[in-house]
């Protein structure tokens, strides 16, 4: 059966993570995604490349697409895009604000050729305001949005440490963009109207930090405002980034320390276990397993904000740490599972493709790349009962579909030859 977006054609001008992840999500839903790359390929092809033009990162973000190589700096390529766009439903660009206008592939230009076009532009900071023209990347969005400081980590020199396990701003922006495109396609189906959509790394990073970024005066005046006054005073006297984090962290350590007894990580005999209690019932389940039902923090009147209780909480941490070290991961997890308590061993990402639960759910796709052979990649982020999701094809070889896509949109061989002679396509 075809996917839910079968028949939708997407023209993707993007690289690195946010734009490609958006396009891949659309491909997973059945759209025909044509990825435009510059001569030589986009930057992700060479990040950790294991052979010329092919990297695991590129493969993981570009499943199910076709590759069209165009030099969009050249007027001939720009004219070709303007001619082709009438055959596409969606145009997706991931760049600094103003780049699309400079290349003559902006929304106002392209909608003259396709009035009901869905046009998505992802930028670093958005299209308006004092930072609109600034260059952005995920690490920059982490810093600007507060996400990095919210994570509260520093390196051995006390300098800011980025969130490295993934690129949260990029992936959130890409997923949000795909959601917006689907909503715009639904709106167009009902009204016939196309529209311009905007997403940014900054917007995505803010969305992940609702309680930290949001303002709630009745709470802030008691808790956050005094803390921020101390931070600003520390900055004024030249305090280091690490010192400022300590000031910020004092309040939240105090507020969340008792909660973290059963919502955090512990070392065990052969690795680590994460406890994920979110309710009083979960915490009681864990106390029974750990044999700490006499925990004083269990008392409804226990005040975690009282500095006098800090030592009480620390003694409980020491007790639980010592208990956790008496068993292995595989010994602890069944004990918590029998109580219904949410826990997990801490796995390495490299183990997950062969994980029994991942395999049982079919979360990995079995693909075959024309250059590199068999591979398994994480599949679609959503499963649907009536329409399949996920792709059957791997990431494209650079430029493999250039002639094919151009012919589909009315270019004859002589015109393709002329574009190639002008170095507009490759």
Protein backbone atom coordinates (compact mmCIF):
# COMPACT_ATOMS: atom_id res chain seq x y z
CA UNK A 1 0.00 0.00 0.00
CA UNK A 2 1.17 3.57 -0.60
CA UNK A 3 2.16 5.82 2.29
CA UNK A 4 -0.16 8.59 3.51
CA UNK A 5 1.76 11.24 1.52
CA UNK A 6 1.95 9.20 -1.69
CA UNK A 7 1.76 11.54 -4.68
CA UNK A 8 3.22 14.51 -2.78
CA UNK A 9 6.45 15.81 -4.34
CA UNK A 10 8.99 17.64 -2.21
CA UNK A 11 11.88 19.78 -3.46
CA UNK A 12 14.46 19.81 -0.65
CA UNK A 13 17.33 22.31 -0.62
CA UNK A 14 19.03 21.53 2.65
CA UNK A 15 22.01 20.04 4.38
CA UNK A 16 23.39 18.85 7.75
CA UNK A 17 20.45 17.85 10.07
CA UNK A 18 17.30 19.98 10.45
CA UNK A 19 16.25 20.18 6.79
CA UNK A 20 17.31 16.64 5.89
CA UNK A 21 15.49 15.22 8.93
CA UNK A 22 12.35 17.07 7.89
CA UNK A 23 12.65 15.67 4.36
CA UNK A 24 13.31 12.17 5.63
CA UNK A 25 10.18 12.28 7.79
CA UNK A 26 8.17 13.26 4.71
CA UNK A 27 9.79 10.44 2.72
CA UNK A 28 8.89 8.03 5.54
CA UNK A 29 5.27 9.10 5.05
CA UNK A 30 5.42 8.27 1.35
CA UNK A 31 6.36 11.59 -0.27
CA UNK A 32 8.71 11.70 -3.27
CA UNK A 33 11.57 13.81 -1.90
CA UNK A 34 14.11 15.20 -4.35
CA UNK A 35 17.20 16.38 -2.46
CA UNK A 36 19.19 19.13 -4.16
CA UNK A 37 22.91 19.09 -3.36
CA UNK A 38 25.75 21.30 -4.59
CA UNK A 39 28.47 19.85 -6.80
CA UNK A 40 30.60 17.69 -4.52
CA UNK A 41 27.66 16.99 -2.23
CA UNK A 42 26.38 18.49 0.99
CA UNK A 43 28.56 18.80 4.10
CA UNK A 44 27.19 15.78 5.92
CA UNK A 45 28.57 13.48 3.22
CA UNK A 46 32.13 14.16 4.42
CA UNK A 47 31.51 14.17 8.20
CA UNK A 48 33.08 10.88 9.21
CA UNK A 49 33.14 9.64 5.62
CA UNK A 50 34.17 5.99 5.32
CA UNK A 51 34.50 6.27 1.54
CA UNK A 52 34.40 9.31 -0.78
CA UNK A 53 31.04 11.06 -0.49
CA UNK A 54 29.47 8.54 1.86
CA UNK A 55 29.12 8.78 5.65
CA UNK A 56 26.98 6.96 8.17
CA UNK A 57 25.51 10.31 9.24
CA UNK A 58 24.42 11.10 5.68
CA UNK A 59 22.91 7.66 5.25
CA UNK A 60 20.94 8.02 8.49
CA UNK A 61 19.34 11.36 7.49
CA UNK A 62 18.57 10.88 3.81
CA UNK A 63 16.81 7.56 3.41
CA UNK A 64 14.25 7.31 0.65
CA UNK A 65 15.27 10.45 -1.28
CA UNK A 66 16.48 11.08 -4.80
CA UNK A 67 19.60 13.17 -5.44
CA UNK A 68 19.67 16.11 -7.86
CA UNK A 69 22.96 18.00 -8.13
CA UNK A 70 22.61 21.71 -8.95
CA UNK A 71 24.83 24.74 -8.45
CA UNK A 72 22.21 27.22 -7.28
CA UNK A 73 24.74 30.06 -7.49
CA UNK A 74 24.33 29.89 -11.26
CA UNK A 75 21.44 31.71 -12.99
CA UNK A 76 20.78 28.70 -15.23
CA UNK A 77 20.17 26.49 -12.19
CA UNK A 78 17.93 29.11 -10.59
CA UNK A 79 15.88 29.33 -13.78
CA UNK A 80 15.62 25.54 -13.85
CA UNK A 81 14.24 25.48 -10.29
CA UNK A 82 11.68 28.15 -11.19
CA UNK A 83 10.62 26.06 -14.18
CA UNK A 84 10.46 22.78 -12.27
CA UNK A 85 8.63 24.01 -9.18
CA UNK A 86 5.25 23.83 -10.90
CA UNK A 87 5.55 20.05 -10.60
CA UNK A 88 6.20 20.06 -6.84
CA UNK A 89 3.87 20.42 -3.87
CA UNK A 90 6.43 21.39 -1.24
CA UNK A 91 9.64 23.42 -1.29
CA UNK A 92 11.92 22.98 1.72
CA UNK A 93 14.99 25.12 2.35
CA UNK A 94 17.32 25.11 5.34
CA UNK A 95 19.61 28.16 5.25
CA UNK A 96 20.44 31.54 6.71
CA UNK A 97 17.65 34.10 6.34
CA UNK A 98 18.05 35.97 3.05
CA UNK A 99 19.82 33.18 1.15
CA UNK A 100 16.67 32.09 -0.70
CA UNK A 101 16.06 35.66 -1.93
CA UNK A 102 19.65 35.97 -3.10
CA UNK A 103 19.29 32.72 -5.07
CA UNK A 104 15.90 33.75 -6.51
CA UNK A 105 14.20 30.69 -5.03
CA UNK A 106 12.29 32.51 -2.28
CA UNK A 107 8.59 32.04 -1.62
CA UNK A 108 7.42 35.15 -3.46
CA UNK A 109 9.36 34.12 -6.57
CA UNK A 110 8.34 30.47 -6.61
CA UNK A 111 4.68 30.95 -5.84
CA UNK A 112 4.35 32.88 -9.08
CA UNK A 113 4.97 29.51 -10.77
CA UNK A 114 2.98 27.42 -8.27
CA UNK A 115 0.37 29.51 -6.40
CA UNK A 116 -0.62 26.69 -4.02
CA UNK A 117 2.99 25.84 -3.11
CA UNK A 118 3.77 24.86 0.48
CA UNK A 119 7.09 26.59 1.22
CA UNK A 120 9.04 25.80 4.41
CA UNK A 121 12.08 27.86 5.40
CA UNK A 122 14.18 26.77 8.38
CA UNK A 123 16.74 29.25 9.71
CA UNK A 124 18.91 29.67 12.76
CA UNK A 125 17.09 32.56 14.44
CA UNK A 126 14.00 33.30 12.32
CA UNK A 127 13.41 35.83 9.54
CA UNK A 128 12.94 38.98 11.67
CA UNK A 129 14.75 40.75 14.49
CA UNK A 130 18.36 41.71 15.24
CA UNK A 131 19.75 38.17 14.81
CA UNK A 132 17.85 37.24 11.64
CA UNK A 133 20.88 37.50 9.36
CA UNK A 134 23.27 35.70 11.71
CA UNK A 135 24.61 32.27 10.93
CA UNK A 136 23.31 29.44 13.10
CA UNK A 137 23.97 25.81 13.93
CA UNK A 138 22.72 23.45 16.61
CA UNK A 139 25.50 24.23 19.10
CA UNK A 140 24.89 27.96 18.60
CA UNK A 141 21.14 27.48 19.15
CA UNK A 142 21.90 25.50 22.31
CA UNK A 143 23.94 28.42 23.61
CA UNK A 144 21.63 31.25 22.55
CA UNK A 145 18.38 29.62 23.72
CA UNK A 146 19.59 28.71 27.22
CA UNK A 147 19.42 24.99 26.47
CA UNK A 148 23.14 24.54 27.05
CA UNK A 149 23.13 26.41 30.36
CA UNK A 150 19.96 24.58 31.35
CA UNK A 151 21.83 21.31 30.96
CA UNK A 152 24.37 22.77 33.38
CA UNK A 153 27.53 20.95 32.27
CA UNK A 154 31.07 22.32 31.98
CA UNK A 155 34.28 20.80 30.68
CA UNK A 156 37.51 20.33 32.65
CA UNK A 157 38.32 24.01 32.14
CA UNK A 158 34.95 25.26 33.39
CA UNK A 159 33.86 26.23 29.88
CA UNK A 160 30.34 25.51 28.53
CA UNK A 161 29.77 21.94 27.42
CA UNK A 162 27.29 21.25 24.65
CA UNK A 163 24.68 18.51 24.58
CA UNK A 164 26.61 16.01 22.47
CA UNK A 165 24.54 12.82 22.33
CA UNK A 166 22.35 14.39 19.65
CA UNK A 167 21.56 17.76 18.07
CA UNK A 168 18.32 18.65 19.92
CA UNK A 169 17.61 21.96 18.16
CA UNK A 170 18.19 20.46 14.73
CA UNK A 171 16.05 17.36 15.25
CA UNK A 172 13.22 19.22 16.99
CA UNK A 173 13.18 21.83 14.20
CA UNK A 174 13.14 19.12 11.54
CA UNK A 175 10.31 17.20 13.17
CA UNK A 176 8.30 20.39 13.76
CA UNK A 177 8.80 21.42 10.14
CA UNK A 178 7.51 18.05 8.90
CA UNK A 179 4.46 18.40 11.15
CA UNK A 180 3.83 21.91 9.82
CA UNK A 181 4.09 20.76 6.21
CA UNK A 182 1.57 17.99 6.82
CA UNK A 183 -0.81 20.49 8.43
CA UNK A 184 -0.35 22.90 5.49
CA UNK A 185 -1.06 20.11 3.01
CA UNK A 186 -4.27 19.33 4.89
CA UNK A 187 -5.24 23.03 4.82
CA UNK A 188 -4.54 23.13 1.08
CA UNK A 189 -6.68 20.04 0.50
CA UNK A 190 -9.60 21.82 2.18
CA UNK A 191 -9.13 25.35 0.79
CA UNK A 192 -6.79 25.15 -2.21
CA UNK A 193 -4.41 27.61 -0.51
CA UNK A 194 -0.66 27.24 -0.35
CA UNK A 195 1.37 29.10 2.24
CA UNK A 196 4.77 30.05 3.67
CA UNK A 197 5.96 28.21 6.79
CA UNK A 198 8.87 29.20 9.01
CA UNK A 199 10.80 27.21 11.59
CA UNK A 200 14.10 27.93 13.32
CA UNK A 201 16.62 26.25 15.56
CA UNK A 202 15.99 28.94 18.18
CA UNK A 203 12.23 28.35 18.14
CA UNK A 204 12.72 24.58 18.45
CA UNK A 205 15.18 24.94 21.34
CA UNK A 206 12.80 27.24 23.20
CA UNK A 207 9.92 24.80 22.73
CA UNK A 208 11.89 22.14 24.63
CA UNK A 209 12.31 24.41 27.66
CA UNK A 210 8.80 25.57 28.48
CA UNK A 211 9.16 25.79 32.26
CA UNK A 212 12.65 27.27 32.14
CA UNK A 213 12.00 29.94 29.52
CA UNK A 214 8.39 30.71 30.44
CA UNK A 215 7.47 33.51 32.83
CA UNK A 216 5.03 32.86 35.69
CA UNK A 217 5.17 35.94 37.97
CA UNK A 218 3.47 34.38 40.99
CA UNK A 219 6.24 31.75 41.10
CA UNK A 220 9.13 33.75 39.67
CA UNK A 221 8.96 36.57 42.23
CA UNK A 222 9.59 34.10 45.03
CA UNK A 223 12.05 31.73 43.42
CA UNK A 224 13.58 32.80 40.11
CA UNK A 225 13.91 36.57 40.41
CA UNK A 226 16.19 36.47 43.50
CA UNK A 227 18.34 33.83 41.81
CA UNK A 228 18.66 35.91 38.63
CA UNK A 229 19.63 38.98 40.67
CA UNK A 230 22.50 36.95 42.13
CA UNK A 231 23.52 35.76 38.65
CA UNK A 232 23.55 39.32 37.26
CA UNK A 233 25.57 40.55 40.26
CA UNK A 234 28.06 37.73 39.69
CA UNK A 235 28.40 38.67 36.02
CA UNK A 236 29.00 42.28 36.95
CA UNK A 237 31.98 41.29 39.11
CA UNK A 238 33.35 39.05 36.35
CA UNK A 239 32.30 35.64 37.69
CA UNK A 240 33.09 32.65 35.49
CA UNK A 241 30.45 30.69 33.60
CA UNK A 242 30.86 27.80 36.07
CA UNK A 243 30.24 30.12 39.04
CA UNK A 244 27.07 31.45 37.40
CA UNK A 245 25.85 27.90 36.84
CA UNK A 246 26.48 27.13 40.51
CA UNK A 247 24.29 30.06 41.55
CA UNK A 248 21.55 28.97 39.16
CA UNK A 249 21.90 25.38 40.24
CA UNK A 250 21.64 26.04 43.98
CA UNK A 251 17.92 26.71 43.75
CA UNK A 252 17.13 23.77 41.50
CA UNK A 253 19.35 21.35 43.39
CA UNK A 254 17.45 22.26 46.53
CA UNK A 255 14.05 21.96 44.84
CA UNK A 256 14.78 18.71 43.04
CA UNK A 257 17.25 16.90 45.28
CA UNK A 258 14.72 14.76 47.15
CA UNK A 259 12.85 14.05 43.91
CA UNK A 260 16.12 12.89 42.33
CA UNK A 261 16.43 10.08 44.87
CA UNK A 262 14.14 8.04 42.64
CA UNK A 263 14.51 9.96 39.38
CA UNK A 264 18.10 9.65 38.27
CA UNK A 265 21.03 7.34 37.75
CA UNK A 266 22.96 4.98 40.00
CA UNK A 267 26.03 2.86 39.45
CA UNK A 268 25.55 -0.89 39.81
CA UNK A 269 27.98 -3.81 39.71
CA UNK A 270 28.35 -3.86 35.92
CA UNK A 271 27.13 -0.50 34.67
CA UNK A 272 24.32 1.87 35.54
CA UNK A 273 20.56 1.89 36.18
CA UNK A 274 18.17 4.79 35.70
CA UNK A 275 15.21 5.18 38.05
CA UNK A 276 12.30 7.11 36.56
CA UNK A 277 9.71 7.58 39.32
CA UNK A 278 7.16 10.28 38.46
CA UNK A 279 4.47 9.53 41.03
CA UNK A 280 4.32 8.80 44.78
CA UNK A 281 3.22 5.25 43.87
CA UNK A 282 6.37 4.80 41.72
CA UNK A 283 8.57 6.00 44.58
CA UNK A 284 6.91 3.57 47.00
CA UNK A 285 7.49 0.72 44.52
CA UNK A 286 11.19 1.59 44.41
CA UNK A 287 11.47 1.90 48.19
CA UNK A 288 10.10 -1.63 48.55
CA UNK A 289 12.64 -3.02 46.08
CA UNK A 290 15.50 -1.15 47.73
CA UNK A 291 14.38 -1.88 51.30
CA UNK A 292 14.21 1.80 52.26
CA UNK A 293 10.57 2.09 53.28
CA UNK A 294 11.66 4.09 56.34
CA UNK A 295 12.73 6.94 54.01
CA UNK A 296 12.01 10.24 55.87
CA UNK A 297 11.38 12.05 52.55
CA UNK A 298 8.24 9.91 52.27
CA UNK A 299 6.52 12.02 54.94
CA UNK A 300 4.01 14.39 53.24
CA UNK A 301 5.22 17.17 55.53
CA UNK A 302 8.88 16.75 54.52
CA UNK A 303 10.10 20.12 53.20
CA UNK A 304 12.79 19.65 50.56
CA UNK A 305 13.35 23.42 50.43
CA UNK A 306 14.42 23.58 54.08
CA UNK A 307 18.25 23.70 54.16
CA UNK A 308 18.14 21.75 57.40
CA UNK A 309 16.83 18.74 55.45
CA UNK A 310 19.72 18.71 52.98
CA UNK A 311 21.70 16.30 55.17
CA UNK A 312 18.67 13.99 55.44
CA UNK A 313 18.44 13.74 51.66
CA UNK A 314 22.19 13.17 51.31
CA UNK A 315 22.08 10.30 53.80
CA UNK A 316 19.34 8.68 51.73
CA UNK A 317 21.45 9.06 48.59
CA UNK A 318 24.39 7.37 50.28
CA UNK A 319 22.18 4.52 51.43
CA UNK A 320 20.64 3.94 47.99
CA UNK A 321 24.03 4.20 46.25
CA UNK A 322 25.47 1.52 48.50
CA UNK A 323 22.45 -0.74 47.95
CA UNK A 324 22.53 -0.37 44.17
CA UNK A 325 26.16 -1.49 44.04
CA UNK A 326 25.22 -4.90 45.42
CA UNK A 327 23.65 -6.20 42.19
CA UNK A 328 24.12 -6.15 38.41
CA UNK A 329 21.86 -4.50 35.85
CA UNK A 330 20.25 -7.80 34.91
CA UNK A 331 19.61 -8.60 38.57
CA UNK A 332 18.05 -5.24 39.43
CA UNK A 333 15.75 -4.70 36.43
CA UNK A 334 13.49 -7.77 37.00
CA UNK A 335 13.06 -6.80 40.66
CA UNK A 336 11.81 -3.33 39.73
CA UNK A 337 9.74 -4.73 36.84
CA UNK A 338 7.86 -7.04 39.22
CA UNK A 339 6.78 -3.98 41.20
CA UNK A 340 5.82 -2.11 38.02
CA UNK A 341 8.42 0.59 38.67
CA UNK A 342 9.84 2.48 35.66
CA UNK A 343 13.57 1.72 35.37
CA UNK A 344 16.10 0.86 32.69
CA UNK A 345 19.67 -0.23 32.35
CA UNK A 346 21.75 2.42 30.56
CA UNK A 347 22.42 1.04 27.09
CA UNK A 348 24.94 2.19 24.52
CA UNK A 349 23.46 3.45 21.23
CA UNK A 350 25.62 0.93 19.38
CA UNK A 351 23.70 -1.90 21.09
CA UNK A 352 20.22 -0.77 20.13
CA UNK A 353 19.92 -2.14 16.58
CA UNK A 354 20.03 -5.67 18.04
CA UNK A 355 17.91 -4.93 21.12
CA UNK A 356 15.02 -7.44 21.48
CA UNK A 357 12.40 -4.72 22.01
CA UNK A 358 13.63 -2.69 19.03
CA UNK A 359 13.54 -5.84 16.89
CA UNK A 360 10.11 -6.89 18.14
CA UNK A 361 8.66 -3.50 17.18
CA UNK A 362 10.41 -3.46 13.80
CA UNK A 363 11.97 -0.08 14.48
CA UNK A 364 14.98 -0.79 12.23
CA UNK A 365 14.74 -0.76 8.44
CA UNK A 366 16.64 -3.30 6.35
CA UNK A 367 18.05 -1.39 3.37
CA UNK A 368 20.52 -1.97 0.57
CA UNK A 369 22.74 0.88 -0.59
CA UNK A 370 23.95 0.72 -4.21
CA UNK A 371 27.54 1.52 -3.20
CA UNK A 372 27.92 0.15 0.31
CA UNK A 373 25.54 -2.80 0.44
CA UNK A 374 23.24 -3.95 3.28
CA UNK A 375 22.54 -1.60 6.17
CA UNK A 376 20.06 -1.18 9.01
CA UNK A 377 18.80 2.27 9.94
CA UNK A 378 16.19 3.54 12.44
CA UNK A 379 12.86 3.83 10.67
CA UNK A 380 9.94 6.24 10.82
CA UNK A 381 9.03 7.97 14.09
CA UNK A 382 5.37 7.00 13.67
CA UNK A 383 3.54 3.76 12.87
CA UNK A 384 0.13 3.83 11.15
CA UNK A 385 -2.41 1.01 10.91
CA UNK A 386 -3.84 1.79 7.45
CA UNK A 387 -0.92 3.34 5.58
CA UNK A 388 2.68 2.15 5.81
CA UNK A 389 5.50 4.38 7.01
CA UNK A 390 9.23 4.10 6.46
CA UNK A 391 11.11 3.82 3.20
CA UNK A 392 12.36 0.90 1.16
CA UNK A 393 15.34 2.75 -0.31
CA UNK A 394 18.61 3.92 1.21
CA UNK A 395 20.18 7.36 0.93
CA UNK A 396 20.96 8.32 -2.68
CA UNK A 397 24.33 8.27 -4.40
CA UNK A 398 25.32 11.86 -5.21
CA UNK A 399 23.60 13.02 -8.38
CA UNK A 400 22.19 9.61 -9.19
CA UNK A 401 18.79 11.03 -10.18
CA UNK A 402 19.75 14.34 -11.80
CA UNK A 403 18.79 13.43 -15.37
CA UNK A 404 15.78 11.41 -14.22
CA UNK A 405 14.28 14.29 -12.23
CA UNK A 406 14.96 16.87 -14.95
CA UNK A 407 13.30 14.69 -17.61
CA UNK A 408 10.28 14.19 -15.38
CA UNK A 409 9.82 17.95 -15.38
CA UNK A 410 10.02 18.49 -19.11
CA UNK A 411 13.72 18.97 -19.81
CA UNK A 412 14.87 17.30 -23.02
CA UNK A 413 18.36 15.88 -23.42
CA UNK A 414 19.65 18.95 -25.28
CA UNK A 415 18.51 21.19 -22.40
CA UNK A 416 20.08 18.91 -19.83
CA UNK A 417 23.31 18.99 -21.82
CA UNK A 418 23.21 22.79 -21.89
CA UNK A 419 22.72 22.91 -18.11
CA UNK A 420 25.62 20.55 -17.64
CA UNK A 421 27.82 22.60 -20.00
CA UNK A 422 27.01 25.70 -17.92
CA UNK A 423 27.96 23.75 -14.74
CA UNK A 424 24.45 24.38 -13.45
CA UNK A 425 23.81 20.66 -12.88
CA UNK A 426 26.08 17.67 -12.41
